[in-house]
């Protein structure tokens, strides 16, 4: 009599209570800035050799209403998303003289030399106590305006350029500088849209160009643009068309920074 066929059902082993390690996703590659030589424009800051500074100094220049703050905020987000620490600096941010300078400007009675020295002191405090230490620690330092704005303003007010170059001999030459050039007529519209007013000093009212603040603003900004174009021939910074959309400008700045700092194209 034939034997009956016996079949066995083999149960699958119970799952282990300990999760098996999962493969980690490959981390995005962080661009490493190229090491480039640093230099001061003049005598520099004593005790801080330029060759000890491993970070990068990125400067965005432009008038009020040119979009500097927007572009710097975007650059900070972009750089930090790629793993780079950032530090931000700008005009009138020194704890040493900021409040005194703001009070003095509110009175609209500063002489051109006093105004120049106030801003020079503000810059000197930041370069020694913020900018250079951050660069020495390897940070990306983003400056919302630098010595070029200060020089252009002072030259328009008749201060000797040779004296200014010596005054700002402590300044470090940035790794990359952008000047957002916006037409005076467009700047008027942007400033009115933002604050519904024009600033006394940004209108050059102390120069007596016109009794009308609107006319004085346009004339003064044209003089500033002229000086920036002249300074560009000396300091070789990049002039960017600031009349375009913020997105277009951002793409251009990021592309140029990637080329200069990381060697990417």
Protein backbone atom coordinates (compact mmCIF):
# COMPACT_ATOMS: atom_id res chain seq x y z
CA UNK A 1 0.00 0.00 0.00
CA UNK A 2 1.57 3.27 -0.97
CA UNK A 3 2.63 5.62 1.80
CA UNK A 4 0.84 8.90 2.13
CA UNK A 5 2.98 11.92 1.38
CA UNK A 6 3.64 14.08 4.42
CA UNK A 7 4.30 17.77 3.92
CA UNK A 8 5.65 20.20 6.45
CA UNK A 9 5.00 23.87 6.64
CA UNK A 10 8.04 25.74 7.80
CA UNK A 11 7.19 29.02 9.46
CA UNK A 12 9.34 32.04 8.74
CA UNK A 13 11.50 33.11 11.67
CA UNK A 14 10.05 35.83 13.86
CA UNK A 15 11.39 39.25 13.07
CA UNK A 16 14.18 40.43 15.30
CA UNK A 17 13.17 43.08 17.79
CA UNK A 18 16.36 45.07 17.06
CA UNK A 19 16.18 47.22 13.93
CA UNK A 20 18.83 46.40 11.39
CA UNK A 21 21.12 49.29 10.54
CA UNK A 22 20.06 51.14 7.43
CA UNK A 23 22.56 52.49 4.96
CA UNK A 24 23.19 56.19 5.54
CA UNK A 25 22.44 58.57 2.69
CA UNK A 26 25.54 59.99 1.12
CA UNK A 27 26.18 63.47 2.47
CA UNK A 28 26.18 66.33 0.00
CA UNK A 29 29.65 67.40 -0.89
CA UNK A 30 30.57 70.71 0.72
CA UNK A 31 32.66 72.96 -1.52
CA UNK A 32 35.91 73.85 0.21
CA UNK A 33 37.13 77.40 -0.46
CA UNK A 34 40.46 77.70 -2.16
CA UNK A 35 43.25 79.16 -0.04
CA UNK A 36 44.11 82.54 -1.50
CA UNK A 37 46.67 85.11 -0.33
CA UNK A 38 45.33 88.01 1.72
CA UNK A 39 46.60 91.58 1.78
CA UNK A 40 45.87 94.89 3.41
CA UNK A 41 45.35 98.02 1.36
CA UNK A 42 47.93 99.83 3.48
CA UNK A 43 49.67 99.40 6.81
CA UNK A 44 47.04 96.98 8.08
CA UNK A 45 46.22 96.10 11.69
CA UNK A 46 49.32 95.58 13.88
CA UNK A 47 49.76 92.08 15.22
CA UNK A 48 47.40 90.41 12.71
CA UNK A 49 49.33 89.29 9.62
CA UNK A 50 47.13 88.91 6.55
CA UNK A 51 48.51 85.43 5.81
CA UNK A 52 46.96 84.09 9.03
CA UNK A 53 43.42 84.74 7.78
CA UNK A 54 41.83 81.64 6.29
CA UNK A 55 38.22 82.84 5.97
CA UNK A 56 36.67 84.77 3.12
CA UNK A 57 35.50 88.39 2.99
CA UNK A 58 32.53 89.07 0.69
CA UNK A 59 31.34 92.67 0.26
CA UNK A 60 28.04 93.93 -1.16
CA UNK A 61 27.95 97.67 -1.85
CA UNK A 62 25.09 99.88 -2.95
CA UNK A 63 22.83 102.75 -1.95
CA UNK A 64 19.85 102.47 0.36
CA UNK A 65 17.16 100.73 -1.66
CA UNK A 66 19.61 98.88 -3.90
CA UNK A 67 18.69 95.48 -2.44
CA UNK A 68 21.87 94.87 -0.43
CA UNK A 69 20.11 93.46 2.64
CA UNK A 70 18.02 91.07 0.54
CA UNK A 71 21.05 89.76 -1.33
CA UNK A 72 23.16 89.35 1.79
CA UNK A 73 20.36 87.40 3.50
CA UNK A 74 20.17 85.10 0.47
CA UNK A 75 23.94 84.65 0.36
CA UNK A 76 24.01 83.77 4.07
CA UNK A 77 21.33 81.13 3.56
CA UNK A 78 23.12 79.74 0.50
CA UNK A 79 26.55 79.57 2.15
CA UNK A 80 25.24 78.08 5.38
CA UNK A 81 23.28 75.45 3.45
CA UNK A 82 26.65 74.35 2.06
CA UNK A 83 28.19 74.05 5.50
CA UNK A 84 29.95 77.40 5.82
CA UNK A 85 29.73 79.49 8.98
CA UNK A 86 28.97 83.16 8.38
CA UNK A 87 29.42 86.47 10.19
CA UNK A 88 27.71 89.69 9.11
CA UNK A 89 29.06 93.23 9.47
CA UNK A 90 28.07 96.64 8.13
CA UNK A 91 28.13 100.38 8.65
CA UNK A 92 27.16 101.78 12.06
CA UNK A 93 27.33 98.40 13.82
CA UNK A 94 30.23 99.13 16.15
CA UNK A 95 29.20 99.13 19.80
CA UNK A 96 31.93 101.73 20.32
CA UNK A 97 30.40 104.63 18.35
CA UNK A 98 27.11 103.46 16.84
CA UNK A 99 24.81 105.28 19.25
CA UNK A 100 26.88 108.47 19.25
CA UNK A 101 27.00 108.51 15.44
CA UNK A 102 23.24 108.05 15.15
CA UNK A 103 22.60 110.87 17.62
CA UNK A 104 25.04 113.17 15.82
CA UNK A 105 23.46 112.45 12.43
CA UNK A 106 19.98 113.09 13.80
CA UNK A 107 20.98 116.71 14.40
CA UNK A 108 22.08 117.21 10.75
CA UNK A 109 24.95 119.44 11.93
CA UNK A 110 28.05 117.27 11.41
CA UNK A 111 30.95 118.70 9.43
CA UNK A 112 32.28 116.57 6.60
CA UNK A 113 35.50 115.74 8.48
CA UNK A 114 33.71 114.83 11.71
CA UNK A 115 31.28 112.62 9.79
CA UNK A 116 34.17 110.92 7.99
CA UNK A 117 36.07 110.25 11.22
CA UNK A 118 32.96 108.89 12.94
CA UNK A 119 32.53 106.29 10.19
CA UNK A 120 36.26 105.54 10.10
CA UNK A 121 36.18 104.81 13.84
CA UNK A 122 33.14 102.57 13.38
CA UNK A 123 34.99 100.66 10.66
CA UNK A 124 38.27 100.43 12.61
CA UNK A 125 36.50 98.91 15.62
CA UNK A 126 34.77 96.29 13.47
CA UNK A 127 37.82 95.37 11.39
CA UNK A 128 39.92 94.75 14.52
CA UNK A 129 37.35 93.14 16.80
CA UNK A 130 34.92 91.38 14.45
CA UNK A 131 36.09 90.99 10.86
CA UNK A 132 39.69 89.86 11.32
CA UNK A 133 38.99 87.47 14.26
CA UNK A 134 36.17 85.88 12.25
CA UNK A 135 38.41 85.47 9.21
CA UNK A 136 41.16 84.02 11.35
CA UNK A 137 38.65 81.43 12.61
CA UNK A 138 37.73 80.50 9.02
CA UNK A 139 34.30 82.16 8.77
CA UNK A 140 32.69 83.64 5.69
CA UNK A 141 32.33 87.34 6.54
CA UNK A 142 29.64 89.21 4.61
CA UNK A 143 29.90 93.00 4.73
CA UNK A 144 26.85 95.14 4.09
CA UNK A 145 28.98 97.96 2.59
CA UNK A 146 32.67 98.52 3.18
CA UNK A 147 35.25 101.29 2.72
CA UNK A 148 34.19 102.00 -0.88
CA UNK A 149 30.89 103.57 0.21
CA UNK A 150 32.73 105.62 2.83
CA UNK A 151 35.31 106.80 0.31
CA UNK A 152 32.72 107.64 -2.37
CA UNK A 153 30.68 109.69 0.12
CA UNK A 154 33.74 111.55 1.38
CA UNK A 155 35.14 112.27 -2.09
CA UNK A 156 31.78 113.72 -3.17
CA UNK A 157 32.03 115.98 -0.09
CA UNK A 158 35.46 117.17 -1.15
CA UNK A 159 37.74 115.19 1.15
CA UNK A 160 41.19 114.38 -0.24
CA UNK A 161 41.40 110.87 -1.68
CA UNK A 162 45.05 110.37 -0.72
CA UNK A 163 44.16 111.15 2.90
CA UNK A 164 41.29 108.65 2.69
CA UNK A 165 43.49 105.90 1.30
CA UNK A 166 45.87 106.34 4.22
CA UNK A 167 42.97 106.47 6.68
CA UNK A 168 41.65 103.14 5.38
CA UNK A 169 45.06 101.51 5.11
CA UNK A 170 43.88 99.19 7.90
CA UNK A 171 41.29 97.66 5.54
CA UNK A 172 41.75 94.12 4.27
CA UNK A 173 41.27 93.65 0.53
CA UNK A 174 38.10 91.52 0.18
CA UNK A 175 38.00 88.25 -1.74
CA UNK A 176 35.09 89.51 -3.82
CA UNK A 177 33.17 92.83 -3.99
CA UNK A 178 29.84 93.55 -5.69
CA UNK A 179 28.39 97.01 -6.26
CA UNK A 180 24.64 96.94 -6.91
CA UNK A 181 24.16 99.90 -9.21
CA UNK A 182 20.58 101.17 -9.33
CA UNK A 183 19.42 104.28 -11.18
CA UNK A 184 18.64 107.27 -8.90
CA UNK A 185 15.08 107.40 -10.24
CA UNK A 186 14.50 103.77 -9.24
CA UNK A 187 16.12 104.36 -5.84
CA UNK A 188 13.63 107.16 -5.15
CA UNK A 189 10.72 104.83 -5.83
CA UNK A 190 12.15 102.05 -3.65
CA UNK A 191 12.90 104.35 -0.71
CA UNK A 192 9.44 105.90 -0.80
CA UNK A 193 7.85 102.45 -1.01
CA UNK A 194 9.88 101.30 2.02
CA UNK A 195 9.82 104.28 4.39
CA UNK A 196 7.67 106.94 2.65
CA UNK A 197 10.55 109.40 3.03
CA UNK A 198 14.07 110.23 1.90
CA UNK A 199 17.05 110.31 4.27
CA UNK A 200 18.78 113.66 4.84
CA UNK A 201 22.31 112.27 4.42
CA UNK A 202 21.47 109.83 1.60
CA UNK A 203 19.96 112.83 -0.20
CA UNK A 204 23.16 114.87 0.19
CA UNK A 205 21.22 117.75 1.73
CA UNK A 206 24.34 118.88 3.60
CA UNK A 207 25.96 119.66 0.23
CA UNK A 208 23.46 122.32 -0.82
CA UNK A 209 22.80 120.69 -4.19
CA UNK A 210 19.15 121.72 -4.10
CA UNK A 211 16.61 122.95 -1.58
CA UNK A 212 14.24 120.26 -2.79
CA UNK A 213 15.10 116.91 -1.16
CA UNK A 214 13.87 114.92 -4.16
CA UNK A 215 16.11 116.83 -6.59
CA UNK A 216 19.03 116.72 -4.14
CA UNK A 217 18.65 112.94 -3.74
CA UNK A 218 18.80 112.34 -7.49
CA UNK A 219 21.80 114.63 -7.96
CA UNK A 220 23.66 113.19 -4.98
CA UNK A 221 23.09 109.57 -6.02
CA UNK A 222 24.37 110.38 -9.52
CA UNK A 223 27.56 111.76 -7.97
CA UNK A 224 27.94 108.62 -5.84
CA UNK A 225 27.47 106.35 -8.87
CA UNK A 226 30.11 108.37 -10.74
CA UNK A 227 32.60 107.88 -7.88
CA UNK A 228 31.88 104.16 -7.64
CA UNK A 229 32.58 103.75 -11.35
CA UNK A 230 35.85 105.61 -10.90
CA UNK A 231 36.81 103.60 -7.80
CA UNK A 232 36.04 100.39 -9.69
CA UNK A 233 38.96 101.10 -11.99
CA UNK A 234 41.26 101.21 -8.95
CA UNK A 235 39.82 98.42 -6.82
CA UNK A 236 38.52 96.13 -9.59
CA UNK A 237 35.19 95.22 -7.97
CA UNK A 238 32.22 93.89 -9.92
CA UNK A 239 29.44 96.30 -10.90
CA UNK A 240 26.09 94.51 -10.94
CA UNK A 241 22.94 95.80 -12.64
CA UNK A 242 20.68 96.28 -9.62
CA UNK A 243 17.60 97.29 -11.62
CA UNK A 244 16.81 93.59 -12.29
CA UNK A 245 14.78 91.19 -10.19
CA UNK A 246 16.18 89.90 -6.89
CA UNK A 247 16.25 86.34 -8.27
CA UNK A 248 18.34 87.33 -11.28
CA UNK A 249 20.82 89.19 -9.11
CA UNK A 250 21.05 86.30 -6.64
CA UNK A 251 21.91 83.84 -9.39
CA UNK A 252 24.65 86.12 -10.70
CA UNK A 253 26.19 86.71 -7.26
CA UNK A 254 26.17 83.01 -6.36
CA UNK A 255 27.74 82.06 -9.67
CA UNK A 256 30.52 84.63 -9.33
CA UNK A 257 31.19 83.71 -5.71
CA UNK A 258 31.37 80.01 -6.57
CA UNK A 259 33.88 80.82 -9.30
CA UNK A 260 36.06 83.06 -7.15
CA UNK A 261 35.97 81.12 -3.88
CA UNK A 262 35.51 77.52 -4.93
CA UNK A 263 36.80 77.40 -8.50
CA UNK A 264 33.41 76.21 -9.79
CA UNK A 265 31.77 77.26 -13.04
